[in-house]
Amino acid sequence: MTTPQEILQLYRHIIRAAKRFPSIKRDKIVNDIRLEFRENRSLSDAGEIKEKVKVAIRSLDQLVAYTSRDTKSAEWSVNLKGSCD
């Protein structure tokens, strides 16, 4: 089971990544994330919490994929799983 401390750490990582997300809608994305976590902070069903955490981890992975690229380089690409070169 995920502890409240682990969820808080996940929240902080997601917010940091969202604040670096290269989009003109970045502020709305950050606010939507905050709202989602606030709305779900009173969840008590372990299965539901587990599902929400899985979605949050997937979302963090996607944010990190976009924000961790080398911003100094004009050349970058995204490779989809299963794509052929």
PDB file of N, CA and C in Angstrom:
ATOM      1  N   MET A   1       0.830  -1.188   0.000  1.00  0.00           N
ATOM      2  CA  MET A   1       0.000   0.000   0.000  1.00  0.00           C
ATOM      3  C   MET A   1       0.873   1.250   0.000  1.00  0.00           C
ATOM      4  N   THR A   2       0.384   2.285  -0.617  1.00  0.00           N
ATOM      5  CA  THR A   2       1.097   3.547  -0.714  1.00  0.00           C
ATOM      6  C   THR A   2       0.816   4.376   0.541  1.00  0.00           C
ATOM      7  N   THR A   3       1.880   4.894   1.148  1.00  0.00           N
ATOM      8  CA  THR A   3       1.718   5.708   2.348  1.00  0.00           C
ATOM      9  C   THR A   3       1.399   7.149   1.966  1.00  0.00           C
ATOM     10  N   PRO A   4       0.810   7.903   2.895  1.00  0.00           N
ATOM     11  CA  PRO A   4       0.558   9.324   2.621  1.00  0.00           C
ATOM     12  C   PRO A   4       1.844  10.080   2.280  1.00  0.00           C
ATOM     13  N   GLN A   5       2.948   9.714   2.913  1.00  0.00           N
ATOM     14  CA  GLN A   5       4.224  10.374   2.621  1.00  0.00           C
ATOM     15  C   GLN A   5       4.661  10.106   1.179  1.00  0.00           C
ATOM     16  N   GLU A   6       4.462   8.890   0.692  1.00  0.00           N
ATOM     17  CA  GLU A   6       4.817   8.558  -0.690  1.00  0.00           C
ATOM     18  C   GLU A   6       3.925   9.324  -1.677  1.00  0.00           C
ATOM     19  N   ILE A   7       2.668   9.472  -1.332  1.00  0.00           N
ATOM     20  CA  ILE A   7       1.748  10.213  -2.201  1.00  0.00           C
ATOM     21  C   ILE A   7       2.138  11.688  -2.237  1.00  0.00           C
ATOM     22  N   LEU A   8       2.508  12.234  -1.103  1.00  0.00           N
ATOM     23  CA  LEU A   8       2.958  13.622  -1.048  1.00  0.00           C
ATOM     24  C   LEU A   8       4.220  13.818  -1.889  1.00  0.00           C
ATOM     25  N   GLN A   9       5.132  12.875  -1.809  1.00  0.00           N
ATOM     26  CA  GLN A   9       6.353  12.945  -2.611  1.00  0.00           C
ATOM     27  C   GLN A   9       6.029  12.868  -4.101  1.00  0.00           C
ATOM     28  N   LEU A  10       5.105  11.986  -4.472  1.00  0.00           N
ATOM     29  CA  LEU A  10       4.668  11.865  -5.863  1.00  0.00           C
ATOM     30  C   LEU A  10       4.044  13.174  -6.335  1.00  0.00           C
ATOM     31  N   TYR A  11       3.204  13.767  -5.498  1.00  0.00           N
ATOM     32  CA  TYR A  11       2.569  15.048  -5.808  1.00  0.00           C
ATOM     33  C   TYR A  11       3.626  16.117  -6.079  1.00  0.00           C
ATOM     34  N   ARG A  12       4.612  16.203  -5.220  1.00  0.00           N
ATOM     35  CA  ARG A  12       5.662  17.212  -5.386  1.00  0.00           C
ATOM     36  C   ARG A  12       6.450  17.010  -6.678  1.00  0.00           C
ATOM     37  N   HIS A  13       6.747  15.764  -6.999  1.00  0.00           N
ATOM     38  CA  HIS A  13       7.465  15.473  -8.253  1.00  0.00           C
ATOM     39  C   HIS A  13       6.623  15.872  -9.468  1.00  0.00           C
ATOM     40  N   ILE A  14       5.340  15.562  -9.428  1.00  0.00           N
ATOM     41  CA  ILE A  14       4.460  15.893 -10.552  1.00  0.00           C
ATOM     42  C   ILE A  14       4.356  17.411 -10.722  1.00  0.00           C
ATOM     43  N   ILE A  15       4.200  18.135  -9.618  1.00  0.00           N
ATOM     44  CA  ILE A  15       4.092  19.589  -9.692  1.00  0.00           C
ATOM     45  C   ILE A  15       5.384  20.184 -10.260  1.00  0.00           C
ATOM     46  N   ARG A  16       6.533  19.710  -9.791  1.00  0.00           N
ATOM     47  CA  ARG A  16       7.810  20.218 -10.320  1.00  0.00           C
ATOM     48  C   ARG A  16       7.934  19.971 -11.821  1.00  0.00           C
ATOM     49  N   ALA A  17       7.586  18.774 -12.239  1.00  0.00           N
ATOM     50  CA  ALA A  17       7.672  18.442 -13.671  1.00  0.00           C
ATOM     51  C   ALA A  17       6.682  19.280 -14.479  1.00  0.00           C
ATOM     52  N   ALA A  18       5.488  19.471 -13.949  1.00  0.00           N
ATOM     53  CA  ALA A  18       4.469  20.253 -14.662  1.00  0.00           C
ATOM     54  C   ALA A  18       4.884  21.717 -14.791  1.00  0.00           C
ATOM     55  N   LYS A  19       5.587  22.224 -13.808  1.00  0.00           N
ATOM     56  CA  LYS A  19       6.045  23.619 -13.873  1.00  0.00           C
ATOM     57  C   LYS A  19       7.117  23.825 -14.938  1.00  0.00           C
ATOM     58  N   ARG A  20       7.761  22.745 -15.365  1.00  0.00           N
ATOM     59  CA  ARG A  20       8.767  22.821 -16.432  1.00  0.00           C
ATOM     60  C   ARG A  20       8.209  22.398 -17.788  1.00  0.00           C
ATOM     61  N   PHE A  21       6.956  22.001 -17.820  1.00  0.00           N
ATOM     62  CA  PHE A  21       6.338  21.514 -19.044  1.00  0.00           C
ATOM     63  C   PHE A  21       6.273  22.629 -20.087  1.00  0.00           C
ATOM     64  N   PRO A  22       6.783  22.379 -21.292  1.00  0.00           N
ATOM     65  CA  PRO A  22       6.838  23.427 -22.326  1.00  0.00           C
ATOM     66  C   PRO A  22       5.491  23.644 -23.026  1.00  0.00           C
ATOM     67  N   SER A  23       4.634  24.431 -22.397  1.00  0.00           N
ATOM     68  CA  SER A  23       3.308  24.679 -22.958  1.00  0.00           C
ATOM     69  C   SER A  23       2.811  26.042 -22.502  1.00  0.00           C
ATOM     70  N   ILE A  24       2.013  26.673 -23.351  1.00  0.00           N
ATOM     71  CA  ILE A  24       1.419  27.938 -22.947  1.00  0.00           C
ATOM     72  C   ILE A  24       0.302  27.700 -21.930  1.00  0.00           C
ATOM     73  N   LYS A  25      -0.132  26.467 -21.795  1.00  0.00           N
ATOM     74  CA  LYS A  25      -1.174  26.105 -20.837  1.00  0.00           C
ATOM     75  C   LYS A  25      -0.595  25.508 -19.557  1.00  0.00           C
ATOM     76  N   ARG A  26       0.678  25.727 -19.324  1.00  0.00           N
ATOM     77  CA  ARG A  26       1.375  25.147 -18.176  1.00  0.00           C
ATOM     78  C   ARG A  26       0.675  25.483 -16.854  1.00  0.00           C
ATOM     79  N   ASP A  27       0.288  26.742 -16.644  1.00  0.00           N
ATOM     80  CA  ASP A  27      -0.345  27.138 -15.382  1.00  0.00           C
ATOM     81  C   ASP A  27      -1.662  26.392 -15.165  1.00  0.00           C
ATOM     82  N   LYS A  28      -2.433  26.210 -16.215  1.00  0.00           N
ATOM     83  CA  LYS A  28      -3.691  25.466 -16.101  1.00  0.00           C
ATOM     84  C   LYS A  28      -3.415  24.002 -15.771  1.00  0.00           C
ATOM     85  N   ILE A  29      -2.388  23.442 -16.373  1.00  0.00           N
ATOM     86  CA  ILE A  29      -2.031  22.049 -16.093  1.00  0.00           C
ATOM     87  C   ILE A  29      -1.661  21.883 -14.624  1.00  0.00           C
ATOM     88  N   VAL A  30      -0.844  22.794 -14.109  1.00  0.00           N
ATOM     89  CA  VAL A  30      -0.436  22.739 -12.702  1.00  0.00           C
ATOM     90  C   VAL A  30      -1.663  22.869 -11.798  1.00  0.00           C
ATOM     91  N   ASN A  31      -2.536  23.808 -12.104  1.00  0.00           N
ATOM     92  CA  ASN A  31      -3.746  23.992 -11.293  1.00  0.00           C
ATOM     93  C   ASN A  31      -4.661  22.769 -11.352  1.00  0.00           C
ATOM     94  N   ASP A  32      -4.775  22.161 -12.524  1.00  0.00           N
ATOM     95  CA  ASP A  32      -5.608  20.957 -12.656  1.00  0.00           C
ATOM     96  C   ASP A  32      -5.043  19.804 -11.824  1.00  0.00           C
ATOM     97  N   ILE A  33      -3.731  19.672 -11.797  1.00  0.00           N
ATOM     98  CA  ILE A  33      -3.091  18.622 -10.995  1.00  0.00           C
ATOM     99  C   ILE A  33      -3.371  18.861  -9.515  1.00  0.00           C
ATOM    100  N   ARG A  34      -3.194  20.099  -9.078  1.00  0.00           N
ATOM    101  CA  ARG A  34      -3.464  20.431  -7.672  1.00  0.00           C
ATOM    102  C   ARG A  34      -4.910  20.116  -7.303  1.00  0.00           C
ATOM    103  N   LEU A  35      -5.835  20.505  -8.171  1.00  0.00           N
ATOM    104  CA  LEU A  35      -7.250  20.256  -7.930  1.00  0.00           C
ATOM    105  C   LEU A  35      -7.544  18.762  -7.843  1.00  0.00           C
ATOM    106  N   GLU A  36      -6.980  17.998  -8.748  1.00  0.00           N
ATOM    107  CA  GLU A  36      -7.191  16.542  -8.760  1.00  0.00           C
ATOM    108  C   GLU A  36      -6.718  15.907  -7.452  1.00  0.00           C
ATOM    109  N   PHE A  37      -5.540  16.301  -6.985  1.00  0.00           N
ATOM    110  CA  PHE A  37      -5.038  15.751  -5.732  1.00  0.00           C
ATOM    111  C   PHE A  37      -5.920  16.182  -4.554  1.00  0.00           C
ATOM    112  N   ARG A  38      -6.351  17.435  -4.552  1.00  0.00           N
ATOM    113  CA  ARG A  38      -7.229  17.920  -3.463  1.00  0.00           C
ATOM    114  C   ARG A  38      -8.551  17.149  -3.432  1.00  0.00           C
ATOM    115  N   GLU A  39      -9.118  16.932  -4.604  1.00  0.00           N
ATOM    116  CA  GLU A  39     -10.400  16.231  -4.682  1.00  0.00           C
ATOM    117  C   GLU A  39     -10.295  14.788  -4.201  1.00  0.00           C
ATOM    118  N   ASN A  40      -9.111  14.206  -4.326  1.00  0.00           N
ATOM    119  CA  ASN A  40      -8.947  12.790  -3.984  1.00  0.00           C
ATOM    120  C   ASN A  40      -8.240  12.551  -2.657  1.00  0.00           C
ATOM    121  N   ARG A  41      -7.937  13.602  -1.906  1.00  0.00           N
ATOM    122  CA  ARG A  41      -7.177  13.408  -0.666  1.00  0.00           C
ATOM    123  C   ARG A  41      -7.967  12.682   0.418  1.00  0.00           C
ATOM    124  N   SER A  42      -9.277  12.638   0.310  1.00  0.00           N
ATOM    125  CA  SER A  42     -10.069  11.952   1.335  1.00  0.00           C
ATOM    126  C   SER A  42     -10.444  10.519   0.941  1.00  0.00           C
ATOM    127  N   LEU A  43      -9.882  10.027  -0.144  1.00  0.00           N
ATOM    128  CA  LEU A  43     -10.167   8.647  -0.546  1.00  0.00           C
ATOM    129  C   LEU A  43      -9.696   7.678   0.538  1.00  0.00           C
ATOM    130  N   SER A  44     -10.474   6.635   0.760  1.00  0.00           N
ATOM    131  CA  SER A  44     -10.079   5.640   1.760  1.00  0.00           C
ATOM    132  C   SER A  44     -10.035   4.223   1.186  1.00  0.00           C
ATOM    133  N   ASP A  45     -10.640   4.020   0.035  1.00  0.00           N
ATOM    134  CA  ASP A  45     -10.648   2.709  -0.601  1.00  0.00           C
ATOM    135  C   ASP A  45      -9.259   2.414  -1.181  1.00  0.00           C
ATOM    136  N   ALA A  46      -8.627   1.356  -0.694  1.00  0.00           N
ATOM    137  CA  ALA A  46      -7.260   1.020  -1.095  1.00  0.00           C
ATOM    138  C   ALA A  46      -7.142   0.770  -2.599  1.00  0.00           C
ATOM    139  N   GLY A  47      -8.115   0.117  -3.183  1.00  0.00           N
ATOM    140  CA  GLY A  47      -8.089  -0.160  -4.614  1.00  0.00           C
ATOM    141  C   GLY A  47      -8.170   1.106  -5.446  1.00  0.00           C
ATOM    142  N   GLU A  48      -9.019   2.006  -5.008  1.00  0.00           N
ATOM    143  CA  GLU A  48      -9.178   3.273  -5.719  1.00  0.00           C
ATOM    144  C   GLU A  48      -7.909   4.129  -5.596  1.00  0.00           C
ATOM    145  N   ILE A  49      -7.325   4.128  -4.413  1.00  0.00           N
ATOM    146  CA  ILE A  49      -6.070   4.865  -4.201  1.00  0.00           C
ATOM    147  C   ILE A  49      -4.977   4.295  -5.091  1.00  0.00           C
ATOM    148  N   LYS A  50      -4.908   2.978  -5.149  1.00  0.00           N
ATOM    149  CA  LYS A  50      -3.887   2.311  -5.975  1.00  0.00           C
ATOM    150  C   LYS A  50      -4.031   2.713  -7.446  1.00  0.00           C
ATOM    151  N   GLU A  51      -5.268   2.752  -7.939  1.00  0.00           N
ATOM    152  CA  GLU A  51      -5.516   3.150  -9.332  1.00  0.00           C
ATOM    153  C   GLU A  51      -5.099   4.596  -9.578  1.00  0.00           C
ATOM    154  N   LYS A  52      -5.458   5.480  -8.658  1.00  0.00           N
ATOM    155  CA  LYS A  52      -5.101   6.897  -8.798  1.00  0.00           C
ATOM    156  C   LYS A  52      -3.588   7.077  -8.781  1.00  0.00           C
ATOM    157  N   VAL A  53      -2.898   6.326  -7.941  1.00  0.00           N
ATOM    158  CA  VAL A  53      -1.434   6.406  -7.872  1.00  0.00           C
ATOM    159  C   VAL A  53      -0.820   5.910  -9.182  1.00  0.00           C
ATOM    160  N   LYS A  54      -1.366   4.835  -9.747  1.00  0.00           N
ATOM    161  CA  LYS A  54      -0.857   4.333 -11.028  1.00  0.00           C
ATOM    162  C   LYS A  54      -1.002   5.377 -12.127  1.00  0.00           C
ATOM    163  N   VAL A  55      -2.147   6.055 -12.159  1.00  0.00           N
ATOM    164  CA  VAL A  55      -2.375   7.112 -13.152  1.00  0.00           C
ATOM    165  C   VAL A  55      -1.392   8.257 -12.931  1.00  0.00           C
ATOM    166  N   ALA A  56      -1.173   8.621 -11.678  1.00  0.00           N
ATOM    167  CA  ALA A  56      -0.253   9.711 -11.358  1.00  0.00           C
ATOM    168  C   ALA A  56       1.174   9.367 -11.767  1.00  0.00           C
ATOM    169  N   ILE A  57       1.595   8.147 -11.545  1.00  0.00           N
ATOM    170  CA  ILE A  57       2.956   7.724 -11.923  1.00  0.00           C
ATOM    171  C   ILE A  57       3.107   7.740 -13.443  1.00  0.00           C
ATOM    172  N   ARG A  58       2.099   7.257 -14.155  1.00  0.00           N
ATOM    173  CA  ARG A  58       2.131   7.294 -15.621  1.00  0.00           C
ATOM    174  C   ARG A  58       2.218   8.728 -16.121  1.00  0.00           C
ATOM    175  N   SER A  59       1.432   9.606 -15.508  1.00  0.00           N
ATOM    176  CA  SER A  59       1.443  11.020 -15.890  1.00  0.00           C
ATOM    177  C   SER A  59       2.795  11.653 -15.608  1.00  0.00           C
ATOM    178  N   LEU A  60       3.385  11.321 -14.475  1.00  0.00           N
ATOM    179  CA  LEU A  60       4.716  11.835 -14.149  1.00  0.00           C
ATOM    180  C   LEU A  60       5.735  11.364 -15.180  1.00  0.00           C
ATOM    181  N   ASP A  61       5.669  10.112 -15.558  1.00  0.00           N
ATOM    182  CA  ASP A  61       6.581   9.587 -16.583  1.00  0.00           C
ATOM    183  C   ASP A  61       6.450  10.370 -17.883  1.00  0.00           C
ATOM    184  N   GLN A  62       5.218  10.687 -18.262  1.00  0.00           N
ATOM    185  CA  GLN A  62       5.001  11.451 -19.499  1.00  0.00           C
ATOM    186  C   GLN A  62       5.529  12.875 -19.374  1.00  0.00           C
ATOM    187  N   LEU A  63       5.284  13.509 -18.243  1.00  0.00           N
ATOM    188  CA  LEU A  63       5.797  14.866 -18.031  1.00  0.00           C
ATOM    189  C   LEU A  63       7.320  14.880 -18.070  1.00  0.00           C
ATOM    190  N   VAL A  64       7.935  13.919 -17.419  1.00  0.00           N
ATOM    191  CA  VAL A  64       9.398  13.848 -17.386  1.00  0.00           C
ATOM    192  C   VAL A  64       9.952  13.608 -18.788  1.00  0.00           C
ATOM    193  N   ALA A  65       9.256  12.809 -19.581  1.00  0.00           N
ATOM    194  CA  ALA A  65       9.712  12.557 -20.954  1.00  0.00           C
ATOM    195  C   ALA A  65       9.781  13.854 -21.754  1.00  0.00           C
ATOM    196  N   TYR A  66       8.849  14.754 -21.533  1.00  0.00           N
ATOM    197  CA  TYR A  66       8.839  16.030 -22.253  1.00  0.00           C
ATOM    198  C   TYR A  66       9.773  17.063 -21.636  1.00  0.00           C
ATOM    199  N   THR A  67       9.923  17.043 -20.325  1.00  0.00           N
ATOM    200  CA  THR A  67      10.692  18.097 -19.665  1.00  0.00           C
ATOM    201  C   THR A  67      12.162  17.771 -19.525  1.00  0.00           C
ATOM    202  N   SER A  68      12.561  16.524 -19.689  1.00  0.00           N
ATOM    203  CA  SER A  68      13.962  16.167 -19.479  1.00  0.00           C
ATOM    204  C   SER A  68      14.799  16.198 -20.753  1.00  0.00           C
ATOM    205  N   ARG A  69      14.177  16.504 -21.859  1.00  0.00           N
ATOM    206  CA  ARG A  69      14.951  16.580 -23.099  1.00  0.00           C
ATOM    207  C   ARG A  69      15.891  17.769 -23.048  1.00  0.00           C
ATOM    208  N   ASP A  70      16.899  17.752 -23.859  1.00  0.00           N
ATOM    209  CA  ASP A  70      17.888  18.823 -23.910  1.00  0.00           C
ATOM    210  C   ASP A  70      17.259  20.035 -24.589  1.00  0.00           C
ATOM    211  N   THR A  71      16.970  21.070 -23.825  1.00  0.00           N
ATOM    212  CA  THR A  71      16.295  22.236 -24.372  1.00  0.00           C
ATOM    213  C   THR A  71      17.229  23.122 -25.184  1.00  0.00           C
ATOM    214  N   LYS A  72      18.550  22.915 -25.097  1.00  0.00           N
ATOM    215  CA  LYS A  72      19.496  23.720 -25.865  1.00  0.00           C
ATOM    216  C   LYS A  72      19.608  23.233 -27.300  1.00  0.00           C
ATOM    217  N   SER A  73      19.270  21.994 -27.500  1.00  0.00           N
ATOM    218  CA  SER A  73      19.367  21.404 -28.827  1.00  0.00           C
ATOM    219  C   SER A  73      18.059  21.600 -29.580  1.00  0.00           C
ATOM    220  N   ALA A  74      18.165  22.012 -30.826  1.00  0.00           N
ATOM    221  CA  ALA A  74      16.970  22.197 -31.648  1.00  0.00           C
ATOM    222  C   ALA A  74      16.487  20.870 -32.217  1.00  0.00           C
ATOM    223  N   GLU A  75      17.330  19.855 -32.151  1.00  0.00           N
ATOM    224  CA  GLU A  75      16.984  18.553 -32.717  1.00  0.00           C
ATOM    225  C   GLU A  75      16.591  17.585 -31.611  1.00  0.00           C
ATOM    226  N   TRP A  76      15.392  17.069 -31.708  1.00  0.00           N
ATOM    227  CA  TRP A  76      14.957  16.025 -30.800  1.00  0.00           C
ATOM    228  C   TRP A  76      13.820  15.283 -31.456  1.00  0.00           C
ATOM    229  N   SER A  77      13.587  14.076 -30.989  1.00  0.00           N
ATOM    230  CA  SER A  77      12.510  13.273 -31.553  1.00  0.00           C
ATOM    231  C   SER A  77      11.888  12.419 -30.458  1.00  0.00           C
ATOM    232  N   VAL A  78      10.702  11.938 -30.758  1.00  0.00           N
ATOM    233  CA  VAL A  78       9.996  11.049 -29.861  1.00  0.00           C
ATOM    234  C   VAL A  78       9.800   9.739 -30.602  1.00  0.00           C
ATOM    235  N   ASN A  79      10.216   8.634 -29.984  1.00  0.00           N
ATOM    236  CA  ASN A  79      10.049   7.323 -30.579  1.00  0.00           C
ATOM    237  C   ASN A  79       8.941   6.591 -29.847  1.00  0.00           C
ATOM    238  N   LEU A  80       7.957   6.141 -30.592  1.00  0.00           N
ATOM    239  CA  LEU A  80       6.864   5.396 -30.012  1.00  0.00           C
ATOM    240  C   LEU A  80       7.250   3.940 -29.881  1.00  0.00           C
ATOM    241  N   LYS A  81       6.747   3.298 -28.843  1.00  0.00           N
ATOM    242  CA  LYS A  81       7.034   1.865 -28.667  1.00  0.00           C
ATOM    243  C   LYS A  81       6.487   1.100 -29.862  1.00  0.00           C
ATOM    244  N   GLY A  82       7.305   0.217 -30.368  1.00  0.00           N
ATOM    245  CA  GLY A  82       6.880  -0.610 -31.480  1.00  0.00           C
ATOM    246  C   GLY A  82       7.106   0.024 -32.834  1.00  0.00           C
ATOM    247  N   SER A  83       7.656   1.243 -32.870  1.00  0.00           N
ATOM    248  CA  SER A  83       7.884   1.885 -34.167  1.00  0.00           C
ATOM    249  C   SER A  83       9.162   1.343 -34.799  1.00  0.00           C
ATOM    250  N   CYS A  84       9.205   1.392 -36.091  1.00  0.00           N
ATOM    251  CA  CYS A  84      10.361   0.889 -36.834  1.00  0.00           C
ATOM    252  C   CYS A  84      11.222   2.050 -37.273  1.00  0.00           C
ATOM    253  N   ASP A  85      12.529   1.866 -37.279  1.00  0.00           N
ATOM    254  CA  ASP A  85      13.456   2.915 -37.750  1.00  0.00           C
ATOM    255  C   ASP A  85      13.660   2.833 -39.237  1.00  0.00           C
TER     256      ASP A  85
END
